[in-house]
C-alpha atoms as a PDB file:
ATOM      1  CA  UNK A   1      79.475  95.165 118.556  1.00  0.00           C
ATOM      2  CA  UNK A   2      80.938  98.247 117.796  1.00  0.00           C
ATOM      3  CA  UNK A   3      80.674 100.625 114.269  1.00  0.00           C
ATOM      4  CA  UNK A   4      84.590 100.521 114.154  1.00  0.00           C
ATOM      5  CA  UNK A   5      84.596  96.351 114.160  1.00  0.00           C
ATOM      6  CA  UNK A   6      81.743  96.258 111.780  1.00  0.00           C
ATOM      7  CA  UNK A   7      83.750  98.534 109.371  1.00  0.00           C
ATOM      8  CA  UNK A   8      87.042  96.142 110.461  1.00  0.00           C
ATOM      9  CA  UNK A   9      85.039  92.808 109.539  1.00  0.00           C
ATOM     10  CA  UNK A  10      83.490  94.340 106.470  1.00  0.00           C
ATOM     11  CA  UNK A  11      86.709  95.663 105.000  1.00  0.00           C
ATOM     12  CA  UNK A  12      88.440  91.980 105.624  1.00  0.00           C
ATOM     13  CA  UNK A  13      85.685  90.174 104.248  1.00  0.00           C
ATOM     14  CA  UNK A  14      86.006  92.281 101.210  1.00  0.00           C
ATOM     15  CA  UNK A  15      89.850  91.497 100.246  1.00  0.00           C
ATOM     16  CA  UNK A  16      89.489  89.371  97.156  1.00  0.00           C
ATOM     17  CA  UNK A  17      92.800  89.974  95.473  1.00  0.00           C
ATOM     18  CA  UNK A  18      95.558  87.145  95.234  1.00  0.00           C
ATOM     19  CA  UNK A  19      99.233  87.755  96.754  1.00  0.00           C
ATOM     20  CA  UNK A  20     100.552  86.742  93.441  1.00  0.00           C
ATOM     21  CA  UNK A  21      98.239  89.009  91.596  1.00  0.00           C
ATOM     22  CA  UNK A  22      99.772  91.786  93.949  1.00  0.00           C
ATOM     23  CA  UNK A  23     103.003  91.311  92.939  1.00  0.00           C
ATOM     24  CA  UNK A  24     102.543  90.865  89.512  1.00  0.00           C
ATOM     25  CA  UNK A  25     100.417  94.538  89.395  1.00  0.00           C
ATOM     26  CA  UNK A  26     103.610  96.081  91.254  1.00  0.00           C
ATOM     27  CA  UNK A  27     105.970  95.316  88.364  1.00  0.00           C
ATOM     28  CA  UNK A  28     103.322  96.929  85.918  1.00  0.00           C
ATOM     29  CA  UNK A  29     102.736 100.402  85.363  1.00  0.00           C
ATOM     30  CA  UNK A  30      99.438 100.951  84.402  1.00  0.00           C
ATOM     31  CA  UNK A  31      97.466 102.622  81.046  1.00  0.00           C
ATOM     32  CA  UNK A  32      97.927 106.345  81.586  1.00  0.00           C
ATOM     33  CA  UNK A  33     101.612 105.849  83.779  1.00  0.00           C
ATOM     34  CA  UNK A  34     104.998 106.683  81.821  1.00  0.00           C
ATOM     35  CA  UNK A  35     108.109 105.355  82.993  1.00  0.00           C
ATOM     36  CA  UNK A  36     110.103 102.418  82.891  1.00  0.00           C
ATOM     37  CA  UNK A  37     110.204  99.245  84.730  1.00  0.00           C
ATOM     38  CA  UNK A  38     112.583  96.236  84.581  1.00  0.00           C
ATOM     39  CA  UNK A  39     110.019  93.157  83.780  1.00  0.00           C
ATOM     40  CA  UNK A  40     112.535  90.810  85.695  1.00  0.00           C
ATOM     41  CA  UNK A  41     112.816  92.082  89.376  1.00  0.00           C
ATOM     42  CA  UNK A  42     110.084  95.295  89.601  1.00  0.00           C
ATOM     43  CA  UNK A  43     112.429  98.041  89.733  1.00  0.00           C
ATOM     44  CA  UNK A  44     111.165 101.111  88.311  1.00  0.00           C
ATOM     45  CA  UNK A  45     110.489 104.898  87.840  1.00  0.00           C
ATOM     46  CA  UNK A  46     106.956 105.807  86.911  1.00  0.00           C
ATOM     47  CA  UNK A  47     104.774 108.990  86.817  1.00  0.00           C
ATOM     48  CA  UNK A  48     101.448 107.909  87.637  1.00  0.00           C
ATOM     49  CA  UNK A  49      98.697 109.455  85.994  1.00  0.00           C
ATOM     50  CA  UNK A  50      97.669 111.252  89.501  1.00  0.00           C
ATOM     51  CA  UNK A  51     100.403 112.915  89.218  1.00  0.00           C
ATOM     52  CA  UNK A  52     102.655 111.147  91.654  1.00  0.00           C
ATOM     53  CA  UNK A  53     106.706 110.548  90.556  1.00  0.00           C
ATOM     54  CA  UNK A  54     107.591 106.918  92.050  1.00  0.00           C
ATOM     55  CA  UNK A  55     110.764 105.387  92.143  1.00  0.00           C
ATOM     56  CA  UNK A  56     111.725 101.848  93.628  1.00  0.00           C
ATOM     57  CA  UNK A  57     115.006  99.646  93.845  1.00  0.00           C
ATOM     58  CA  UNK A  58     113.596  97.021  95.901  1.00  0.00           C
ATOM     59  CA  UNK A  59     110.459  96.346  98.248  1.00  0.00           C
ATOM     60  CA  UNK A  60     110.698  99.088 101.152  1.00  0.00           C
ATOM     61  CA  UNK A  61     113.444 101.264  98.790  1.00  0.00           C
ATOM     62  CA  UNK A  62     112.327 104.046  97.419  1.00  0.00           C
ATOM     63  CA  UNK A  63     110.731 107.173  96.885  1.00  0.00           C
ATOM     64  CA  UNK A  64     107.773 109.268  96.052  1.00  0.00           C
ATOM     65  CA  UNK A  65     106.736 112.816  95.689  1.00  0.00           C
ATOM     66  CA  UNK A  66     102.960 113.316  95.700  1.00  0.00           C
ATOM     67  CA  UNK A  67     101.524 116.299  94.554  1.00  0.00           C
ATOM     68  CA  UNK A  68      98.283 116.076  96.554  1.00  0.00           C
ATOM     69  CA  UNK A  69      99.611 115.715  99.899  1.00  0.00           C
ATOM     70  CA  UNK A  70     102.889 117.993  98.815  1.00  0.00           C
ATOM     71  CA  UNK A  71     105.271 115.512 100.527  1.00  0.00           C
ATOM     72  CA  UNK A  72     108.681 113.620  99.233  1.00  0.00           C
ATOM     73  CA  UNK A  73     108.492 110.416 100.955  1.00  0.00           C
ATOM     74  CA  UNK A  74     111.953 108.615 101.011  1.00  0.00           C
ATOM     75  CA  UNK A  75     111.783 104.847 102.351  1.00  0.00           C
ATOM     76  CA  UNK A  76     114.796 102.946 103.042  1.00  0.00           C
ATOM     77  CA  UNK A  77     116.104 100.595 105.860  1.00  0.00           C
ATOM     78  CA  UNK A  78     119.397 102.903 105.882  1.00  0.00           C
ATOM     79  CA  UNK A  79     119.957 106.167 104.374  1.00  0.00           C
ATOM     80  CA  UNK A  80     123.032 108.200 104.337  1.00  0.00           C
ATOM     81  CA  UNK A  81     123.257 111.515 103.118  1.00  0.00           C
ATOM     82  CA  UNK A  82     126.750 113.215 102.521  1.00  0.00           C
ATOM     83  CA  UNK A  83     126.353 117.123 102.417  1.00  0.00           C
ATOM     84  CA  UNK A  84     129.161 119.949 103.146  1.00  0.00           C
ATOM     85  CA  UNK A  85     126.088 121.694 104.526  1.00  0.00           C
ATOM     86  CA  UNK A  86     122.473 120.972 105.342  1.00  0.00           C
ATOM     87  CA  UNK A  87     119.669 123.968 105.566  1.00  0.00           C
ATOM     88  CA  UNK A  88     116.233 123.406 106.885  1.00  0.00           C
ATOM     89  CA  UNK A  89     113.164 125.974 106.029  1.00  0.00           C
ATOM     90  CA  UNK A  90     110.253 126.133 108.290  1.00  0.00           C
ATOM     91  CA  UNK A  91     106.977 126.604 105.742  1.00  0.00           C
ATOM     92  CA  UNK A  92     105.674 129.645 106.641  1.00  0.00           C
ATOM     93  CA  UNK A  93     101.633 128.862 106.013  1.00  0.00           C
ATOM     94  CA  UNK A  94     100.525 132.466 105.858  1.00  0.00           C
ATOM     95  CA  UNK A  95     102.896 132.104 102.134  1.00  0.00           C
ATOM     96  CA  UNK A  96     100.621 130.292  98.975  1.00  0.00           C
ATOM     97  CA  UNK A  97     102.831 128.810  96.596  1.00  0.00           C
ATOM     98  CA  UNK A  98     101.523 129.204  92.796  1.00  0.00           C
ATOM     99  CA  UNK A  99      99.540 126.272  91.975  1.00  0.00           C
ATOM    100  CA  UNK A 100      97.413 125.855  88.378  1.00  0.00           C
ATOM    101  CA  UNK A 101      97.275 130.367  88.312  1.00  0.00           C
ATOM    102  CA  UNK A 102     100.587 130.705  86.174  1.00  0.00           C
ATOM    103  CA  UNK A 103      98.708 131.417  83.139  1.00  0.00           C
ATOM    104  CA  UNK A 104      96.729 134.082  85.153  1.00  0.00           C
ATOM    105  CA  UNK A 105     100.052 135.329  86.741  1.00  0.00           C
ATOM    106  CA  UNK A 106     101.348 136.062  83.241  1.00  0.00           C
ATOM    107  CA  UNK A 107      98.249 137.863  81.802  1.00  0.00           C
ATOM    108  CA  UNK A 108      98.128 140.149  85.392  1.00  0.00           C
ATOM    109  CA  UNK A 109     102.014 140.682  84.581  1.00  0.00           C
ATOM    110  CA  UNK A 110     101.487 141.489  80.865  1.00  0.00           C
ATOM    111  CA  UNK A 111      98.433 143.928  81.339  1.00  0.00           C
ATOM    112  CA  UNK A 112     100.944 145.634  83.661  1.00  0.00           C
ATOM    113  CA  UNK A 113     103.657 146.145  80.798  1.00  0.00           C
ATOM    114  CA  UNK A 114     101.060 147.409  78.611  1.00  0.00           C
ATOM    115  CA  UNK A 115      99.987 150.473  80.713  1.00  0.00           C
END
């Protein structure tokens, strides 16, 4: 048997989650998550401990902002956008964004101001 088939079989055999438990988990925030969830219907907005911002109004209807993948995902069977104008900007891979270096940049600026 091919390795991928072995991996698939192993993955299939290790599933021990109960569907009812998964449904309950989706309406619960984890210990380090911050946000609001309506316990009666699962609608909520959460700032997850992994940095994601998520909001869901129904199954397959919501958004996710993920700093790890630098992406904004919108989930909706119907997406309606009302706008007077729409602008798009292509990402230039040569441009880097300041990420976690803000303190260092401020120190460099203050050093130049002091000189």
